[in-house]
PDB file of N, CA and C in Angstrom:
ATOM      1  N   MET A   1    -227.796  40.807  15.501  1.00  0.00           N
ATOM      2  CA  MET A   1    -226.795  41.846  15.583  1.00  0.00           C
ATOM      3  C   MET A   1    -225.434  41.321  15.104  1.00  0.00           C
ATOM      4  N   LEU A   2    -225.132  40.058  15.410  1.00  0.00           N
ATOM      5  CA  LEU A   2    -223.850  39.476  14.994  1.00  0.00           C
ATOM      6  C   LEU A   2    -223.744  39.432  13.472  1.00  0.00           C
ATOM      7  N   ASP A   3    -224.826  39.065  12.790  1.00  0.00           N
ATOM      8  CA  ASP A   3    -224.780  38.992  11.328  1.00  0.00           C
ATOM      9  C   ASP A   3    -224.497  40.359  10.719  1.00  0.00           C
ATOM     10  N   LYS A   4    -225.110  41.410  11.248  1.00  0.00           N
ATOM     11  CA  LYS A   4    -224.862  42.753  10.743  1.00  0.00           C
ATOM     12  C   LYS A   4    -223.426  43.164  11.031  1.00  0.00           C
ATOM     13  N   MET A   5    -222.917  42.790  12.178  1.00  0.00           N
ATOM     14  CA  MET A   5    -221.530  43.117  12.528  1.00  0.00           C
ATOM     15  C   MET A   5    -220.572  42.406  11.577  1.00  0.00           C
ATOM     16  N   LYS A   6    -220.888  41.180  11.208  1.00  0.00           N
ATOM     17  CA  LYS A   6    -220.061  40.439  10.248  1.00  0.00           C
ATOM     18  C   LYS A   6    -220.004  41.178   8.912  1.00  0.00           C
ATOM     19  N   GLU A   7    -221.150  41.715   8.474  1.00  0.00           N
ATOM     20  CA  GLU A   7    -221.198  42.475   7.229  1.00  0.00           C
ATOM     21  C   GLU A   7    -220.272  43.690   7.307  1.00  0.00           C
ATOM     22  N   ILE A   8    -220.311  44.383   8.409  1.00  0.00           N
ATOM     23  CA  ILE A   8    -219.469  45.570   8.586  1.00  0.00           C
ATOM     24  C   ILE A   8    -218.000  45.173   8.612  1.00  0.00           C
ATOM     25  N   ILE A   9    -217.676  44.137   9.360  1.00  0.00           N
ATOM     26  CA  ILE A   9    -216.287  43.684   9.483  1.00  0.00           C
ATOM     27  C   ILE A   9    -215.705  43.320   8.122  1.00  0.00           C
ATOM     28  N   THR A  10    -216.474  42.614   7.302  1.00  0.00           N
ATOM     29  CA  THR A  10    -215.944  42.152   6.023  1.00  0.00           C
ATOM     30  C   THR A  10    -215.781  43.282   5.007  1.00  0.00           C
ATOM     31  N   GLN A  11    -216.260  44.467   5.324  1.00  0.00           N
ATOM     32  CA  GLN A  11    -215.990  45.632   4.480  1.00  0.00           C
ATOM     33  C   GLN A  11    -214.559  46.135   4.689  1.00  0.00           C
ATOM     34  N   TYR A  12    -213.949  45.745   5.787  1.00  0.00           N
ATOM     35  CA  TYR A  12    -212.624  46.263   6.149  1.00  0.00           C
ATOM     36  C   TYR A  12    -211.500  45.241   6.086  1.00  0.00           C
ATOM     37  N   VAL A  13    -211.813  43.985   6.299  1.00  0.00           N
ATOM     38  CA  VAL A  13    -210.785  42.949   6.254  1.00  0.00           C
ATOM     39  C   VAL A  13    -211.288  41.774   5.426  1.00  0.00           C
ATOM     40  N   GLU A  14    -210.363  41.092   4.769  1.00  0.00           N
ATOM     41  CA  GLU A  14    -210.724  39.936   3.965  1.00  0.00           C
ATOM     42  C   GLU A  14    -210.738  38.701   4.849  1.00  0.00           C
ATOM     43  N   VAL A  15    -211.924  38.345   5.274  1.00  0.00           N
ATOM     44  CA  VAL A  15    -212.103  37.189   6.135  1.00  0.00           C
ATOM     45  C   VAL A  15    -213.466  36.581   5.814  1.00  0.00           C
ATOM     46  N   ASP A  16    -213.560  35.271   5.901  1.00  0.00           N
ATOM     47  CA  ASP A  16    -214.817  34.572   5.661  1.00  0.00           C
ATOM     48  C   ASP A  16    -215.791  34.929   6.787  1.00  0.00           C
ATOM     49  N   PRO A  17    -216.942  35.480   6.447  1.00  0.00           N
ATOM     50  CA  PRO A  17    -217.907  35.853   7.490  1.00  0.00           C
ATOM     51  C   PRO A  17    -218.283  34.691   8.408  1.00  0.00           C
ATOM     52  N   ASP A  18    -218.287  33.472   7.860  1.00  0.00           N
ATOM     53  CA  ASP A  18    -218.636  32.306   8.669  1.00  0.00           C
ATOM     54  C   ASP A  18    -217.587  31.996   9.732  1.00  0.00           C
ATOM     55  N   SER A  19    -216.377  32.535   9.553  1.00  0.00           N
ATOM     56  CA  SER A  19    -215.322  32.287  10.537  1.00  0.00           C
ATOM     57  C   SER A  19    -215.344  33.288  11.685  1.00  0.00           C
ATOM     58  N   ILE A  20    -216.164  34.335  11.566  1.00  0.00           N
ATOM     59  CA  ILE A  20    -216.238  35.365  12.608  1.00  0.00           C
ATOM     60  C   ILE A  20    -217.185  34.895  13.699  1.00  0.00           C
ATOM     61  N   THR A  21    -216.682  34.876  14.927  1.00  0.00           N
ATOM     62  CA  THR A  21    -217.496  34.502  16.082  1.00  0.00           C
ATOM     63  C   THR A  21    -217.418  35.619  17.118  1.00  0.00           C
ATOM     64  N   THR A  22    -218.172  35.483  18.169  1.00  0.00           N
ATOM     65  CA  THR A  22    -218.101  36.489  19.240  1.00  0.00           C
ATOM     66  C   THR A  22    -216.746  36.470  19.935  1.00  0.00           C
ATOM     67  N   GLU A  23    -216.004  35.371  19.800  1.00  0.00           N
ATOM     68  CA  GLU A  23    -214.680  35.272  20.423  1.00  0.00           C
ATOM     69  C   GLU A  23    -213.561  35.810  19.525  1.00  0.00           C
ATOM     70  N   SER A  24    -213.884  36.143  18.267  1.00  0.00           N
ATOM     71  CA  SER A  24    -212.873  36.635  17.331  1.00  0.00           C
ATOM     72  C   SER A  24    -212.300  37.959  17.823  1.00  0.00           C
ATOM     73  N   ARG A  25    -210.959  38.003  17.886  1.00  0.00           N
ATOM     74  CA  ARG A  25    -210.274  39.239  18.298  1.00  0.00           C
ATOM     75  C   ARG A  25    -209.998  40.069  17.046  1.00  0.00           C
ATOM     76  N   PHE A  26    -210.237  41.363  17.140  1.00  0.00           N
ATOM     77  CA  PHE A  26    -210.121  42.238  15.975  1.00  0.00           C
ATOM     78  C   PHE A  26    -208.723  42.234  15.369  1.00  0.00           C
ATOM     79  N   ILE A  27    -207.710  42.411  16.170  1.00  0.00           N
ATOM     80  CA  ILE A  27    -206.350  42.521  15.647  1.00  0.00           C
ATOM     81  C   ILE A  27    -205.738  41.148  15.402  1.00  0.00           C
ATOM     82  N   GLU A  28    -205.728  40.304  16.407  1.00  0.00           N
ATOM     83  CA  GLU A  28    -205.040  39.018  16.330  1.00  0.00           C
ATOM     84  C   GLU A  28    -205.703  38.031  15.377  1.00  0.00           C
ATOM     85  N   ASP A  29    -207.037  37.970  15.378  1.00  0.00           N
ATOM     86  CA  ASP A  29    -207.740  36.960  14.585  1.00  0.00           C
ATOM     87  C   ASP A  29    -208.243  37.480  13.240  1.00  0.00           C
ATOM     88  N   LEU A  30    -208.685  38.730  13.214  1.00  0.00           N
ATOM     89  CA  LEU A  30    -209.306  39.259  12.000  1.00  0.00           C
ATOM     90  C   LEU A  30    -208.372  40.131  11.173  1.00  0.00           C
ATOM     91  N   GLY A  31    -207.253  40.539  11.739  1.00  0.00           N
ATOM     92  CA  GLY A  31    -206.257  41.288  10.973  1.00  0.00           C
ATOM     93  C   GLY A  31    -206.508  42.780  10.851  1.00  0.00           C
ATOM     94  N   PHE A  32    -207.289  43.336  11.753  1.00  0.00           N
ATOM     95  CA  PHE A  32    -207.530  44.778  11.730  1.00  0.00           C
ATOM     96  C   PHE A  32    -206.267  45.547  12.118  1.00  0.00           C
ATOM     97  N   ASN A  33    -206.112  46.755  11.540  1.00  0.00           N
ATOM     98  CA  ASN A  33    -205.123  47.702  12.056  1.00  0.00           C
ATOM     99  C   ASN A  33    -205.913  48.824  12.736  1.00  0.00           C
ATOM    100  N   SER A  34    -205.234  49.725  13.397  1.00  0.00           N
ATOM    101  CA  SER A  34    -205.945  50.739  14.188  1.00  0.00           C
ATOM    102  C   SER A  34    -206.818  51.642  13.320  1.00  0.00           C
ATOM    103  N   TYR A  35    -206.352  51.966  12.112  1.00  0.00           N
ATOM    104  CA  TYR A  35    -207.156  52.811  11.226  1.00  0.00           C
ATOM    105  C   TYR A  35    -208.449  52.091  10.824  1.00  0.00           C
ATOM    106  N   ASP A  36    -208.330  50.822  10.438  1.00  0.00           N
ATOM    107  CA  ASP A  36    -209.513  50.038  10.064  1.00  0.00           C
ATOM    108  C   ASP A  36    -210.506  49.952  11.220  1.00  0.00           C
ATOM    109  N   ILE A  37    -209.985  49.770  12.415  1.00  0.00           N
ATOM    110  CA  ILE A  37    -210.867  49.670  13.587  1.00  0.00           C
ATOM    111  C   ILE A  37    -211.661  50.957  13.764  1.00  0.00           C
ATOM    112  N   MET A  38    -210.996  52.098  13.674  1.00  0.00           N
ATOM    113  CA  MET A  38    -211.691  53.369  13.875  1.00  0.00           C
ATOM    114  C   MET A  38    -212.752  53.590  12.787  1.00  0.00           C
ATOM    115  N   CYS A  39    -212.428  53.272  11.547  1.00  0.00           N
ATOM    116  CA  CYS A  39    -213.405  53.404  10.459  1.00  0.00           C
ATOM    117  C   CYS A  39    -214.584  52.456  10.663  1.00  0.00           C
ATOM    118  N   MET A  40    -214.283  51.217  11.026  1.00  0.00           N
ATOM    119  CA  MET A  40    -215.326  50.226  11.253  1.00  0.00           C
ATOM    120  C   MET A  40    -216.234  50.660  12.408  1.00  0.00           C
ATOM    121  N   LEU A  41    -215.645  51.223  13.452  1.00  0.00           N
ATOM    122  CA  LEU A  41    -216.441  51.678  14.587  1.00  0.00           C
ATOM    123  C   LEU A  41    -217.391  52.805  14.188  1.00  0.00           C
ATOM    124  N   GLY A  42    -216.940  53.679  13.298  1.00  0.00           N
ATOM    125  CA  GLY A  42    -217.823  54.741  12.812  1.00  0.00           C
ATOM    126  C   GLY A  42    -219.026  54.178  12.084  1.00  0.00           C
ATOM    127  N   ASP A  43    -218.796  53.183  11.243  1.00  0.00           N
ATOM    128  CA  ASP A  43    -219.909  52.539  10.539  1.00  0.00           C
ATOM    129  C   ASP A  43    -220.838  51.825  11.521  1.00  0.00           C
ATOM    130  N   ALA A  44    -220.253  51.135  12.478  1.00  0.00           N
ATOM    131  CA  ALA A  44    -221.055  50.396  13.457  1.00  0.00           C
ATOM    132  C   ALA A  44    -221.868  51.358  14.324  1.00  0.00           C
ATOM    133  N   GLU A  45    -221.280  52.487  14.673  1.00  0.00           N
ATOM    134  CA  GLU A  45    -221.976  53.495  15.476  1.00  0.00           C
ATOM    135  C   GLU A  45    -223.246  53.951  14.747  1.00  0.00           C
ATOM    136  N   SER A  46    -223.129  54.200  13.458  1.00  0.00           N
ATOM    137  CA  SER A  46    -224.292  54.610  12.662  1.00  0.00           C
ATOM    138  C   SER A  46    -225.297  53.477  12.522  1.00  0.00           C
ATOM    139  N   GLU A  47    -224.802  52.288  12.209  1.00  0.00           N
ATOM    140  CA  GLU A  47    -225.685  51.141  11.976  1.00  0.00           C
ATOM    141  C   GLU A  47    -226.504  50.778  13.207  1.00  0.00           C
ATOM    142  N   PHE A  48    -225.853  50.775  14.367  1.00  0.00           N
ATOM    143  CA  PHE A  48    -226.527  50.341  15.590  1.00  0.00           C
ATOM    144  C   PHE A  48    -227.102  51.501  16.402  1.00  0.00           C
ATOM    145  N   ASP A  49    -226.959  52.728  15.879  1.00  0.00           N
ATOM    146  CA  ASP A  49    -227.518  53.921  16.515  1.00  0.00           C
ATOM    147  C   ASP A  49    -227.070  54.053  17.978  1.00  0.00           C
ATOM    148  N   VAL A  50    -225.752  54.044  18.158  1.00  0.00           N
ATOM    149  CA  VAL A  50    -225.168  54.197  19.490  1.00  0.00           C
ATOM    150  C   VAL A  50    -224.133  55.319  19.450  1.00  0.00           C
ATOM    151  N   ASN A  51    -223.820  55.850  20.610  1.00  0.00           N
ATOM    152  CA  ASN A  51    -222.750  56.825  20.749  1.00  0.00           C
ATOM    153  C   ASN A  51    -221.574  56.122  21.404  1.00  0.00           C
ATOM    154  N   ILE A  52    -220.434  56.173  20.739  1.00  0.00           N
ATOM    155  CA  ILE A  52    -219.256  55.468  21.237  1.00  0.00           C
ATOM    156  C   ILE A  52    -218.401  56.398  22.089  1.00  0.00           C
ATOM    157  N   ASP A  53    -218.057  55.928  23.277  1.00  0.00           N
ATOM    158  CA  ASP A  53    -217.100  56.603  24.134  1.00  0.00           C
ATOM    159  C   ASP A  53    -215.732  56.023  23.784  1.00  0.00           C
ATOM    160  N   GLU A  54    -214.855  56.853  23.222  1.00  0.00           N
ATOM    161  CA  GLU A  54    -213.576  56.351  22.717  1.00  0.00           C
ATOM    162  C   GLU A  54    -212.741  55.648  23.773  1.00  0.00           C
ATOM    163  N   GLU A  55    -212.784  56.131  24.989  1.00  0.00           N
ATOM    164  CA  GLU A  55    -212.005  55.502  26.057  1.00  0.00           C
ATOM    165  C   GLU A  55    -212.559  54.117  26.392  1.00  0.00           C
ATOM    166  N   GLU A  56    -213.870  54.016  26.474  1.00  0.00           N
ATOM    167  CA  GLU A  56    -214.509  52.736  26.811  1.00  0.00           C
ATOM    168  C   GLU A  56    -214.392  51.730  25.666  1.00  0.00           C
ATOM    169  N   ILE A  57    -214.530  52.200  24.430  1.00  0.00           N
ATOM    170  CA  ILE A  57    -214.532  51.286  23.287  1.00  0.00           C
ATOM    171  C   ILE A  57    -213.178  50.613  23.118  1.00  0.00           C
ATOM    172  N   MET A  58    -212.112  51.248  23.561  1.00  0.00           N
ATOM    173  CA  MET A  58    -210.778  50.659  23.426  1.00  0.00           C
ATOM    174  C   MET A  58    -210.611  49.404  24.291  1.00  0.00           C
ATOM    175  N   LYS A  59    -211.521  49.197  25.225  1.00  0.00           N
ATOM    176  CA  LYS A  59    -211.483  47.995  26.064  1.00  0.00           C
ATOM    177  C   LYS A  59    -212.061  46.783  25.328  1.00  0.00           C
ATOM    178  N   CYS A  60    -212.730  47.011  24.215  1.00  0.00           N
ATOM    179  CA  CYS A  60    -213.357  45.937  23.444  1.00  0.00           C
ATOM    180  C   CYS A  60    -212.314  45.279  22.553  1.00  0.00           C
ATOM    181  N   LYS A  61    -211.984  44.065  22.859  1.00  0.00           N
ATOM    182  CA  LYS A  61    -210.966  43.334  22.093  1.00  0.00           C
ATOM    183  C   LYS A  61    -211.557  42.297  21.154  1.00  0.00           C
ATOM    184  N   THR A  62    -212.779  41.850  21.439  1.00  0.00           N
ATOM    185  CA  THR A  62    -213.417  40.822  20.611  1.00  0.00           C
ATOM    186  C   THR A  62    -214.722  41.344  20.026  1.00  0.00           C
ATOM    187  N   VAL A  63    -215.221  40.627  19.043  1.00  0.00           N
ATOM    188  CA  VAL A  63    -216.509  40.971  18.452  1.00  0.00           C
ATOM    189  C   VAL A  63    -217.593  40.936  19.530  1.00  0.00           C
ATOM    190  N   GLY A  64    -217.548  39.947  20.390  1.00  0.00           N
ATOM    191  CA  GLY A  64    -218.527  39.845  21.471  1.00  0.00           C
ATOM    192  C   GLY A  64    -218.455  41.020  22.432  1.00  0.00           C
ATOM    193  N   ASP A  65    -217.236  41.460  22.759  1.00  0.00           N
ATOM    194  CA  ASP A  65    -217.075  42.638  23.619  1.00  0.00           C
ATOM    195  C   ASP A  65    -217.778  43.844  22.999  1.00  0.00           C
ATOM    196  N   LEU A  66    -217.585  44.012  21.704  1.00  0.00           N
ATOM    197  CA  LEU A  66    -218.169  45.154  21.009  1.00  0.00           C
ATOM    198  C   LEU A  66    -219.690  45.058  20.978  1.00  0.00           C
ATOM    199  N   LEU A  67    -220.209  43.880  20.702  1.00  0.00           N
ATOM    200  CA  LEU A  67    -221.659  43.697  20.685  1.00  0.00           C
ATOM    201  C   LEU A  67    -222.260  43.933  22.068  1.00  0.00           C
ATOM    202  N   ASP A  68    -221.575  43.485  23.112  1.00  0.00           N
ATOM    203  CA  ASP A  68    -222.039  43.743  24.482  1.00  0.00           C
ATOM    204  C   ASP A  68    -222.050  45.237  24.768  1.00  0.00           C
ATOM    205  N   TYR A  69    -220.994  45.921  24.324  1.00  0.00           N
ATOM    206  CA  TYR A  69    -220.908  47.370  24.517  1.00  0.00           C
ATOM    207  C   TYR A  69    -222.074  48.058  23.808  1.00  0.00           C
ATOM    208  N   PHE A  70    -222.307  47.684  22.552  1.00  0.00           N
ATOM    209  CA  PHE A  70    -223.413  48.301  21.815  1.00  0.00           C
ATOM    210  C   PHE A  70    -224.748  48.011  22.475  1.00  0.00           C
ATOM    211  N   GLY A  71    -224.927  46.810  22.972  1.00  0.00           N
ATOM    212  CA  GLY A  71    -226.170  46.457  23.649  1.00  0.00           C
ATOM    213  C   GLY A  71    -226.450  47.325  24.863  1.00  0.00           C
ATOM    214  N   GLY A  72    -225.393  47.736  25.543  1.00  0.00           N
ATOM    215  CA  GLY A  72    -225.534  48.597  26.713  1.00  0.00           C
ATOM    216  C   GLY A  72    -225.648  50.066  26.374  1.00  0.00           C
ATOM    217  N   GLN A  73    -225.424  50.420  25.107  1.00  0.00           N
ATOM    218  CA  GLN A  73    -225.436  51.819  24.689  1.00  0.00           C
ATOM    219  C   GLN A  73    -226.688  52.211  23.903  1.00  0.00           C
ATOM    220  N   LYS A  74    -227.582  51.280  23.677  1.00  0.00           N
ATOM    221  CA  LYS A  74    -228.751  51.586  22.870  1.00  0.00           C
ATOM    222  C   LYS A  74    -229.501  52.781  23.445  1.00  0.00           C
ATOM    223  N   LYS A  75    -229.944  53.666  22.544  1.00  0.00           N
ATOM    224  CA  LYS A  75    -230.669  54.873  22.936  1.00  0.00           C
ATOM    225  C   LYS A  75    -232.107  54.541  23.276  1.00  0.00           C
TER     226      LYS A  75
END
């Protein structure tokens, strides 16, 4: 799941996929802005076949947080 998330992330920000870890923070470490985050979340929602709760997803600050959230949302 992390490798697929890296693919999605690198569509939005210029970062070496090998530097992305579960501890990487979207804004501080990867350089996302709020628009990029929302677009990336839409792609991730489709890719991982999950329904995102906008209020809950805003609590996800790291790649690992997001992967944990998706893991708990699987249909």
